PDB file of N, CA and C in Angstrom:
ATOM      1  N   MET A   1       4.670  16.653  -2.467  1.00  0.00           N
ATOM      2  CA  MET A   1       5.244  15.350  -2.245  1.00  0.00           C
ATOM      3  C   MET A   1       6.445  15.268  -3.890  1.00  0.00           C
ATOM      4  N   THR A   2       7.605  15.696  -4.155  1.00  0.00           N
ATOM      5  CA  THR A   2       7.718  15.550  -5.273  1.00  0.00           C
ATOM      6  C   THR A   2       7.746  14.042  -5.818  1.00  0.00           C
ATOM      7  N   ILE A   3       8.118  13.547  -7.811  1.00  0.00           N
ATOM      8  CA  ILE A   3       8.053  12.676  -7.803  1.00  0.00           C
ATOM      9  C   ILE A   3       9.491  11.987  -7.006  1.00  0.00           C
ATOM     10  N   GLU A   4      10.509  12.210  -6.671  1.00  0.00           N
ATOM     11  CA  GLU A   4      11.505  12.086  -6.123  1.00  0.00           C
ATOM     12  C   GLU A   4      11.493  11.304  -4.806  1.00  0.00           C
ATOM     13  N   GLU A   5      10.568  11.957  -4.138  1.00  0.00           N
ATOM     14  CA  GLU A   5      10.249  11.691  -2.794  1.00  0.00           C
ATOM     15  C   GLU A   5       9.840  10.657  -2.886  1.00  0.00           C
ATOM     16  N   LEU A   6       8.636  10.513  -3.719  1.00  0.00           N
ATOM     17  CA  LEU A   6       7.550   9.075  -3.908  1.00  0.00           C
ATOM     18  C   LEU A   6       8.454   7.975  -3.588  1.00  0.00           C
ATOM     19  N   LYS A   7       9.362   7.822  -5.148  1.00  0.00           N
ATOM     20  CA  LYS A   7      10.035   7.317  -5.820  1.00  0.00           C
ATOM     21  C   LYS A   7      10.885   6.726  -5.025  1.00  0.00           C
ATOM     22  N   ARG A   8      11.380   6.978  -3.799  1.00  0.00           N
ATOM     23  CA  ARG A   8      12.151   6.988  -2.926  1.00  0.00           C
ATOM     24  C   ARG A   8      11.462   6.304  -1.715  1.00  0.00           C
ATOM     25  N   LEU A   9      10.925   6.640  -1.180  1.00  0.00           N
ATOM     26  CA  LEU A   9       9.606   6.014  -0.300  1.00  0.00           C
ATOM     27  C   LEU A   9       8.952   4.234  -1.313  1.00  0.00           C
ATOM     28  N   GLN A  10       8.605   4.466  -2.130  1.00  0.00           N
ATOM     29  CA  GLN A  10       8.196   2.963  -2.775  1.00  0.00           C
ATOM     30  C   GLN A  10       9.586   2.069  -3.081  1.00  0.00           C
ATOM     31  N   SER A  11      11.431   2.403  -2.840  1.00  0.00           N
ATOM     32  CA  SER A  11      12.327   1.915  -2.351  1.00  0.00           C
ATOM     33  C   SER A  11      12.831   1.421  -1.230  1.00  0.00           C
ATOM     34  N   ILE A  12      12.034   0.994  -0.538  1.00  0.00           N
ATOM     35  CA  ILE A  12      12.865   1.584   0.719  1.00  0.00           C
ATOM     36  C   ILE A  12      11.645  -0.202   0.914  1.00  0.00           C
ATOM     37  N   HIS A  13      12.855  -0.942   1.593  1.00  0.00           N
ATOM     38  CA  HIS A  13      13.219  -2.189   1.956  1.00  0.00           C
ATOM     39  C   HIS A  13      12.130  -2.851   2.886  1.00  0.00           C
ATOM     40  N   ILE A  14      10.783  -3.477   3.112  1.00  0.00           N
ATOM     41  CA  ILE A  14       9.731  -3.467   4.122  1.00  0.00           C
ATOM     42  C   ILE A  14      10.789  -3.721   5.250  1.00  0.00           C
ATOM     43  N   MET A  15      11.772  -4.457   5.443  1.00  0.00           N
ATOM     44  CA  MET A  15      12.997  -4.738   6.849  1.00  0.00           C
ATOM     45  C   MET A  15      13.289  -3.320   7.536  1.00  0.00           C
ATOM     46  N   ASP A  16      13.204  -2.408   6.342  1.00  0.00           N
ATOM     47  CA  ASP A  16      13.791  -0.626   7.141  1.00  0.00           C
ATOM     48  C   ASP A  16      12.641   0.007   7.313  1.00  0.00           C
ATOM     49  N   LEU A  17      11.321  -0.249   7.276  1.00  0.00           N
ATOM     50  CA  LEU A  17      10.660   0.623   7.534  1.00  0.00           C
ATOM     51  C   LEU A  17      10.407   0.278   8.980  1.00  0.00           C
ATOM     52  N   LYS A  18       9.891   1.805   9.700  1.00  0.00           N
ATOM     53  CA  LYS A  18       9.778   1.596  11.209  1.00  0.00           C
ATOM     54  C   LYS A  18       8.724   1.661  11.498  1.00  0.00           C
ATOM     55  N   ARG A  19       7.774   0.633  12.205  1.00  0.00           N
ATOM     56  CA  ARG A  19       6.450   0.700  12.833  1.00  0.00           C
ATOM     57  C   ARG A  19       6.484   2.208  13.266  1.00  0.00           C
ATOM     58  N   GLU A  20       6.681   2.915  13.952  1.00  0.00           N
ATOM     59  CA  GLU A  20       6.483   3.860  14.948  1.00  0.00           C
ATOM     60  C   GLU A  20       6.579   5.558  13.896  1.00  0.00           C
ATOM     61  N   GLU A  21       7.130   4.722  12.390  1.00  0.00           N
ATOM     62  CA  GLU A  21       6.703   6.254  11.676  1.00  0.00           C
ATOM     63  C   GLU A  21       5.315   5.963  10.598  1.00  0.00           C
ATOM     64  N   LEU A  22       5.035   4.809  11.010  1.00  0.00           N
ATOM     65  CA  LEU A  22       3.640   4.695   9.838  1.00  0.00           C
ATOM     66  C   LEU A  22       2.738   4.948   9.896  1.00  0.00           C
ATOM     67  N   ALA A  23       1.725   5.442   9.525  1.00  0.00           N
ATOM     68  CA  ALA A  23       0.147   5.393  10.063  1.00  0.00           C
ATOM     69  C   ALA A  23      -0.494   4.453   9.896  1.00  0.00           C
ATOM     70  N   ASN A  24      -1.501   3.880  11.056  1.00  0.00           N
ATOM     71  CA  ASN A  24      -2.396   3.248  11.037  1.00  0.00           C
ATOM     72  C   ASN A  24      -3.546   3.039   9.984  1.00  0.00           C
ATOM     73  N   ALA A  25      -3.655   1.949   9.321  1.00  0.00           N
ATOM     74  CA  ALA A  25      -4.460   2.432   7.679  1.00  0.00           C
ATOM     75  C   ALA A  25      -6.093   2.567   8.827  1.00  0.00           C
ATOM     76  N   GLU A  26      -6.152   2.107   9.626  1.00  0.00           N
ATOM     77  CA  GLU A  26      -7.754   2.104  10.458  1.00  0.00           C
ATOM     78  C   GLU A  26      -8.174   3.778  10.301  1.00  0.00           C
ATOM     79  N   ASP A  27      -7.129   4.745  10.674  1.00  0.00           N
ATOM     80  CA  ASP A  27      -6.747   6.061  10.830  1.00  0.00           C
ATOM     81  C   ASP A  27      -7.026   7.192  10.089  1.00  0.00           C
ATOM     82  N   ILE A  28      -7.187   6.281   8.885  1.00  0.00           N
ATOM     83  CA  ILE A  28      -6.879   7.405   7.290  1.00  0.00           C
ATOM     84  C   ILE A  28      -8.739   6.917   7.300  1.00  0.00           C
ATOM     85  N   VAL A  29      -8.940   8.542   6.907  1.00  0.00           N
ATOM     86  CA  VAL A  29     -10.712   8.489   6.234  1.00  0.00           C
ATOM     87  C   VAL A  29     -10.052   9.553   4.852  1.00  0.00           C
ATOM     88  N   ILE A  30     -10.745   9.409   4.216  1.00  0.00           N
ATOM     89  CA  ILE A  30     -10.600  10.266   2.833  1.00  0.00           C
ATOM     90  C   ILE A  30     -12.222  10.234   2.188  1.00  0.00           C
ATOM     91  N   ASP A  31     -12.431  11.393   2.015  1.00  0.00           N
ATOM     92  CA  ASP A  31     -13.873  12.045   1.628  1.00  0.00           C
ATOM     93  C   ASP A  31     -13.580  11.370  -0.269  1.00  0.00           C
ATOM     94  N   THR A  32     -14.761  11.060  -0.500  1.00  0.00           N
ATOM     95  CA  THR A  32     -15.204  10.779  -1.444  1.00  0.00           C
ATOM     96  C   THR A  32     -15.511  11.594  -2.292  1.00  0.00           C
ATOM     97  N   GLU A  33     -16.233  13.310  -1.689  1.00  0.00           N
ATOM     98  CA  GLU A  33     -16.786  13.263  -1.885  1.00  0.00           C
ATOM     99  C   GLU A  33     -16.244  14.480  -3.027  1.00  0.00           C
ATOM    100  N   LYS A  34     -14.809  14.706  -2.592  1.00  0.00           N
ATOM    101  CA  LYS A  34     -14.389  15.937  -2.880  1.00  0.00           C
ATOM    102  C   LYS A  34     -13.220  15.050  -4.548  1.00  0.00           C
ATOM    103  N   CYS A  35     -12.900  15.603  -5.271  1.00  0.00           N
ATOM    104  CA  CYS A  35     -12.396  15.205  -6.541  1.00  0.00           C
ATOM    105  C   CYS A  35     -11.014  14.449  -6.021  1.00  0.00           C
ATOM    106  N   VAL A  36     -10.392  13.487  -7.616  1.00  0.00           N
ATOM    107  CA  VAL A  36      -9.590  12.383  -6.859  1.00  0.00           C
ATOM    108  C   VAL A  36      -8.149  13.356  -6.973  1.00  0.00           C
ATOM    109  N   GLU A  37      -7.264  14.318  -7.494  1.00  0.00           N
ATOM    110  CA  GLU A  37      -6.387  14.842  -6.728  1.00  0.00           C
ATOM    111  C   GLU A  37      -6.445  15.144  -5.505  1.00  0.00           C
ATOM    112  N   SER A  38      -7.724  15.562  -4.571  1.00  0.00           N
ATOM    113  CA  SER A  38      -8.043  15.814  -3.462  1.00  0.00           C
ATOM    114  C   SER A  38      -7.343  14.714  -2.374  1.00  0.00           C
ATOM    115  N   ARG A  39      -8.225  13.365  -3.182  1.00  0.00           N
ATOM    116  CA  ARG A  39      -8.126  11.973  -2.262  1.00  0.00           C
ATOM    117  C   ARG A  39      -6.785  11.491  -2.446  1.00  0.00           C
ATOM    118  N   ILE A  40      -6.002  12.306  -3.214  1.00  0.00           N
ATOM    119  CA  ILE A  40      -4.668  11.840  -3.070  1.00  0.00           C
ATOM    120  C   ILE A  40      -3.984  12.513  -2.232  1.00  0.00           C
ATOM    121  N   GLU A  41      -4.287  14.315  -2.399  1.00  0.00           N
ATOM    122  CA  GLU A  41      -2.998  14.952  -1.737  1.00  0.00           C
ATOM    123  C   GLU A  41      -3.723  14.495   0.087  1.00  0.00           C
ATOM    124  N   SER A  42      -4.894  14.170   0.445  1.00  0.00           N
ATOM    125  CA  SER A  42      -5.234  13.366   1.443  1.00  0.00           C
ATOM    126  C   SER A  42      -4.635  12.565   2.169  1.00  0.00           C
ATOM    127  N   TYR A  43      -4.624  11.507   1.197  1.00  0.00           N
ATOM    128  CA  TYR A  43      -4.079   9.944   1.928  1.00  0.00           C
ATOM    129  C   TYR A  43      -2.525  10.034   1.829  1.00  0.00           C
ATOM    130  N   ILE A  44      -1.399  11.132   0.891  1.00  0.00           N
ATOM    131  CA  ILE A  44      -0.308  10.875   1.162  1.00  0.00           C
ATOM    132  C   ILE A  44      -0.030  11.904   2.398  1.00  0.00           C
ATOM    133  N   GLU A  45      -1.169  12.839   3.060  1.00  0.00           N
ATOM    134  CA  GLU A  45      -0.669  13.428   4.033  1.00  0.00           C
ATOM    135  C   GLU A  45      -0.902  13.149   5.464  1.00  0.00           C
ATOM    136  N   GLN A  46      -2.290  12.135   5.356  1.00  0.00           N
ATOM    137  CA  GLN A  46      -2.072  11.489   6.511  1.00  0.00           C
ATOM    138  C   GLN A  46      -1.317  10.305   6.659  1.00  0.00           C
ATOM    139  N   THR A  47      -0.764   9.241   5.691  1.00  0.00           N
ATOM    140  CA  THR A  47       0.013   8.357   5.696  1.00  0.00           C
ATOM    141  C   THR A  47       1.301   8.992   5.689  1.00  0.00           C
ATOM    142  N   GLY A  48       2.478   9.600   5.194  1.00  0.00           N
ATOM    143  CA  GLY A  48       3.251  10.610   4.867  1.00  0.00           C
ATOM    144  C   GLY A  48       4.079   9.384   3.972  1.00  0.00           C
ATOM    145  N   ASN A  49       3.723   8.164   4.182  1.00  0.00           N
ATOM    146  CA  ASN A  49       4.392   7.511   3.101  1.00  0.00           C
ATOM    147  C   ASN A  49       3.378   6.076   2.567  1.00  0.00           C
ATOM    148  N   PRO A  50       2.746   6.476   1.557  1.00  0.00           N
ATOM    149  CA  PRO A  50       2.188   6.269   0.794  1.00  0.00           C
ATOM    150  C   PRO A  50       1.661   4.643   0.399  1.00  0.00           C
ATOM    151  N   PHE A  51       3.059   4.334   0.342  1.00  0.00           N
ATOM    152  CA  PHE A  51       3.211   2.775  -0.173  1.00  0.00           C
ATOM    153  C   PHE A  51       3.552   2.029   0.914  1.00  0.00           C
ATOM    154  N   ALA A  52       3.377   2.447   2.381  1.00  0.00           N
ATOM    155  CA  ALA A  52       3.385   1.530   3.941  1.00  0.00           C
ATOM    156  C   ALA A  52       2.589   1.892   4.796  1.00  0.00           C
ATOM    157  N   GLN A  53       1.894   1.368   5.658  1.00  0.00           N
ATOM    158  CA  GLN A  53       1.131   1.468   6.826  1.00  0.00           C
ATOM    159  C   GLN A  53       1.383   0.828   8.016  1.00  0.00           C
ATOM    160  N   ASN A  54       0.394   0.812   9.186  1.00  0.00           N
ATOM    161  CA  ASN A  54       0.300   0.024   9.797  1.00  0.00           C
ATOM    162  C   ASN A  54      -1.530  -0.668   9.145  1.00  0.00           C
ATOM    163  N   VAL A  55      -0.937  -2.059   9.543  1.00  0.00           N
ATOM    164  CA  VAL A  55      -2.383  -2.705   9.982  1.00  0.00           C
ATOM    165  C   VAL A  55      -2.494  -3.399  10.720  1.00  0.00           C
ATOM    166  N   GLY A  56      -3.248  -3.483  11.620  1.00  0.00           N
ATOM    167  CA  GLY A  56      -2.988  -4.677  12.784  1.00  0.00           C
ATOM    168  C   GLY A  56      -1.860  -4.139  13.575  1.00  0.00           C
ATOM    169  N   GLU A  57      -1.187  -5.404  13.507  1.00  0.00           N
ATOM    170  CA  GLU A  57       0.267  -5.501  13.567  1.00  0.00           C
ATOM    171  C   GLU A  57       0.819  -6.492  13.144  1.00  0.00           C
ATOM    172  N   TYR A  58       0.578  -5.447  11.870  1.00  0.00           N
ATOM    173  CA  TYR A  58       1.504  -6.032  10.506  1.00  0.00           C
ATOM    174  C   TYR A  58       1.514  -4.753  10.035  1.00  0.00           C
ATOM    175  N   ILE A  59       2.875  -5.218   9.408  1.00  0.00           N
ATOM    176  CA  ILE A  59       3.173  -3.595   7.888  1.00  0.00           C
ATOM    177  C   ILE A  59       2.706  -4.251   6.795  1.00  0.00           C
ATOM    178  N   LEU A  60       1.620  -3.379   6.251  1.00  0.00           N
ATOM    179  CA  LEU A  60       1.082  -3.538   4.829  1.00  0.00           C
ATOM    180  C   LEU A  60       2.159  -2.624   3.917  1.00  0.00           C
ATOM    181  N   GLN A  61       2.622  -2.955   2.945  1.00  0.00           N
ATOM    182  CA  GLN A  61       3.469  -2.717   1.905  1.00  0.00           C
ATOM    183  C   GLN A  61       2.989  -2.370   0.401  1.00  0.00           C
ATOM    184  N   ILE A  62       2.706  -1.385   0.219  1.00  0.00           N
ATOM    185  CA  ILE A  62       2.082  -1.762  -0.996  1.00  0.00           C
ATOM    186  C   ILE A  62       2.981  -1.128  -2.976  1.00  0.00           C
ATOM    187  N   GLY A  63       2.522  -2.094  -3.325  1.00  0.00           N
ATOM    188  CA  GLY A  63       3.430  -1.775  -3.936  1.00  0.00           C
ATOM    189  C   GLY A  63       3.108  -2.293  -5.717  1.00  0.00           C
ATOM    190  N   HIS A  64       3.819  -2.279  -7.111  1.00  0.00           N
ATOM    191  CA  HIS A  64       3.024  -2.594  -7.947  1.00  0.00           C
ATOM    192  C   HIS A  64       4.254  -3.286  -9.578  1.00  0.00           C
ATOM    193  N   MET A  65       3.825  -4.212  -9.846  1.00  0.00           N
ATOM    194  CA  MET A  65       5.106  -4.659 -11.080  1.00  0.00           C
ATOM    195  C   MET A  65       5.397  -4.321 -12.330  1.00  0.00           C
ATOM    196  N   GLU A  66       5.720  -3.902 -12.786  1.00  0.00           N
ATOM    197  CA  GLU A  66       5.956  -3.512 -14.194  1.00  0.00           C
ATOM    198  C   GLU A  66       5.553  -4.162 -15.283  1.00  0.00           C
ATOM    199  N   ASP A  67       5.105  -3.682 -16.405  1.00  0.00           N
ATOM    200  CA  ASP A  67       4.378  -5.070 -17.247  1.00  0.00           C
ATOM    201  C   ASP A  67       4.103  -5.896 -16.453  1.00  0.00           C
ATOM    202  N   ALA A  68       3.052  -5.636 -16.017  1.00  0.00           N
ATOM    203  CA  ALA A  68       2.485  -6.894 -15.203  1.00  0.00           C
ATOM    204  C   ALA A  68       1.165  -7.304 -16.238  1.00  0.00           C
ATOM    205  N   ALA A  69       0.911  -7.860 -16.940  1.00  0.00           N
ATOM    206  CA  ALA A  69       0.074  -8.709 -17.746  1.00  0.00           C
ATOM    207  C   ALA A  69      -1.061  -9.030 -16.679  1.00  0.00           C
ATOM    208  N   ASP A  70      -1.202  -9.728 -15.252  1.00  0.00           N
ATOM    209  CA  ASP A  70      -2.813 -10.175 -14.500  1.00  0.00           C
ATOM    210  C   ASP A  70      -3.052  -8.690 -13.703  1.00  0.00           C
ATOM    211  N   THR A  71      -4.770  -9.139 -14.112  1.00  0.00           N
ATOM    212  CA  THR A  71      -4.796  -8.226 -13.086  1.00  0.00           C
ATOM    213  C   THR A  71      -5.216  -8.330 -11.752  1.00  0.00           C
ATOM    214  N   ILE A  72      -5.548  -7.141 -10.487  1.00  0.00           N
ATOM    215  CA  ILE A  72      -5.605  -7.625  -9.124  1.00  0.00           C
ATOM    216  C   ILE A  72      -6.402  -8.888  -9.079  1.00  0.00           C
ATOM    217  N   ASP A  73      -7.240  -8.785  -9.890  1.00  0.00           N
ATOM    218  CA  ASP A  73      -8.246 -10.500  -9.166  1.00  0.00           C
ATOM    219  C   ASP A  73      -7.703 -11.521  -9.156  1.00  0.00           C
ATOM    220  N   GLU A  74      -6.891 -11.677 -11.170  1.00  0.00           N
ATOM    221  CA  GLU A  74      -6.100 -12.820 -11.530  1.00  0.00           C
ATOM    222  C   GLU A  74      -5.013 -13.269 -10.282  1.00  0.00           C
ATOM    223  N   ARG A  75      -4.078 -12.203 -10.062  1.00  0.00           N
ATOM    224  CA  ARG A  75      -3.363 -12.668  -8.830  1.00  0.00           C
ATOM    225  C   ARG A  75      -4.187 -12.982  -7.339  1.00  0.00           C
ATOM    226  N   LEU A  76      -5.211 -12.445  -7.159  1.00  0.00           N
ATOM    227  CA  LEU A  76      -5.459 -12.833  -5.969  1.00  0.00           C
ATOM    228  C   LEU A  76      -6.388 -14.186  -6.093  1.00  0.00           C
ATOM    229  N   ILE A  77      -6.922 -14.785  -7.364  1.00  0.00           N
ATOM    230  CA  ILE A  77      -6.858 -16.106  -7.184  1.00  0.00           C
ATOM    231  C   ILE A  77      -6.012 -16.684  -6.884  1.00  0.00           C
ATOM    232  N   LEU A  78      -4.708 -16.636  -8.266  1.00  0.00           N
ATOM    233  CA  LEU A  78      -3.852 -17.287  -8.041  1.00  0.00           C
ATOM    234  C   LEU A  78      -3.315 -17.507  -6.483  1.00  0.00           C
ATOM    235  N   LEU A  79      -2.997 -16.371  -5.334  1.00  0.00           N
ATOM    236  CA  LEU A  79      -3.146 -16.506  -4.237  1.00  0.00           C
ATOM    237  C   LEU A  79      -4.048 -17.682  -3.372  1.00  0.00           C
ATOM    238  N   THR A  80      -5.120 -17.246  -4.172  1.00  0.00           N
ATOM    239  CA  THR A  80      -6.027 -18.118  -2.886  1.00  0.00           C
ATOM    240  C   THR A  80      -5.612 -19.620  -3.710  1.00  0.00           C
ATOM    241  N   LYS A  81      -5.106 -19.555  -4.730  1.00  0.00           N
ATOM    242  CA  LYS A  81      -4.995 -20.848  -4.995  1.00  0.00           C
ATOM    243  C   LYS A  81      -3.466 -21.942  -3.919  1.00  0.00           C
ATOM    244  N   ARG A  82      -3.031 -21.154  -4.568  1.00  0.00           N
ATOM    245  CA  ARG A  82      -1.929 -21.899  -3.780  1.00  0.00           C
ATOM    246  C   ARG A  82      -1.959 -21.791  -2.673  1.00  0.00           C
ATOM    247  N   LYS A  83      -2.131 -20.771  -1.760  1.00  0.00           N
ATOM    248  CA  LYS A  83      -2.785 -21.069  -0.364  1.00  0.00           C
ATOM    249  C   LYS A  83      -3.571 -22.114   0.058  1.00  0.00           C
ATOM    250  N   THR A  84      -4.923 -23.067  -0.826  1.00  0.00           N
ATOM    251  CA  THR A  84      -5.530 -23.919  -0.401  1.00  0.00           C
ATOM    252  C   THR A  84      -4.738 -24.802  -0.898  1.00  0.00           C
ATOM    253  N   GLN A  85      -3.945 -25.072  -1.877  1.00  0.00           N
ATOM    254  CA  GLN A  85      -2.911 -26.181  -2.340  1.00  0.00           C
ATOM    255  C   GLN A  85      -1.350 -26.305  -0.719  1.00  0.00           C
ATOM    256  N   ILE A  86      -1.258 -25.396  -0.508  1.00  0.00           N
ATOM    257  CA  ILE A  86      -0.616 -25.608   0.695  1.00  0.00           C
ATOM    258  C   ILE A  86      -1.275 -26.362   2.035  1.00  0.00           C
ATOM    259  N   MET A  87      -2.539 -26.001   2.311  1.00  0.00           N
ATOM    260  CA  MET A  87      -3.273 -26.240   3.350  1.00  0.00           C
ATOM    261  C   MET A  87      -3.651 -27.581   3.346  1.00  0.00           C
ATOM    262  N   VAL A  88      -4.626 -28.543   2.375  1.00  0.00           N
ATOM    263  CA  VAL A  88      -4.959 -29.626   1.659  1.00  0.00           C
ATOM    264  C   VAL A  88      -3.715 -30.801   2.509  1.00  0.00           C
TER     265      VAL A  88
END
């Protein structure tokens, strides 16, 4: 898969994704004994679109923010705090 193809897949809006074209997250198997390059290649082959997959009844779209200073842990804490404030 080329860089251009990966960029195209990453830029697809979540509303334009077709559930029937996406892999199911529970069906993806990664052999952790293999090198990182082989694991990435396997993941891309299994998913078709490494940025989106079916997770239960939802579509999960994976992305990142350019130049983000926060770690994923800090973002998850922030999300939890926001959800807690909404529920209270």
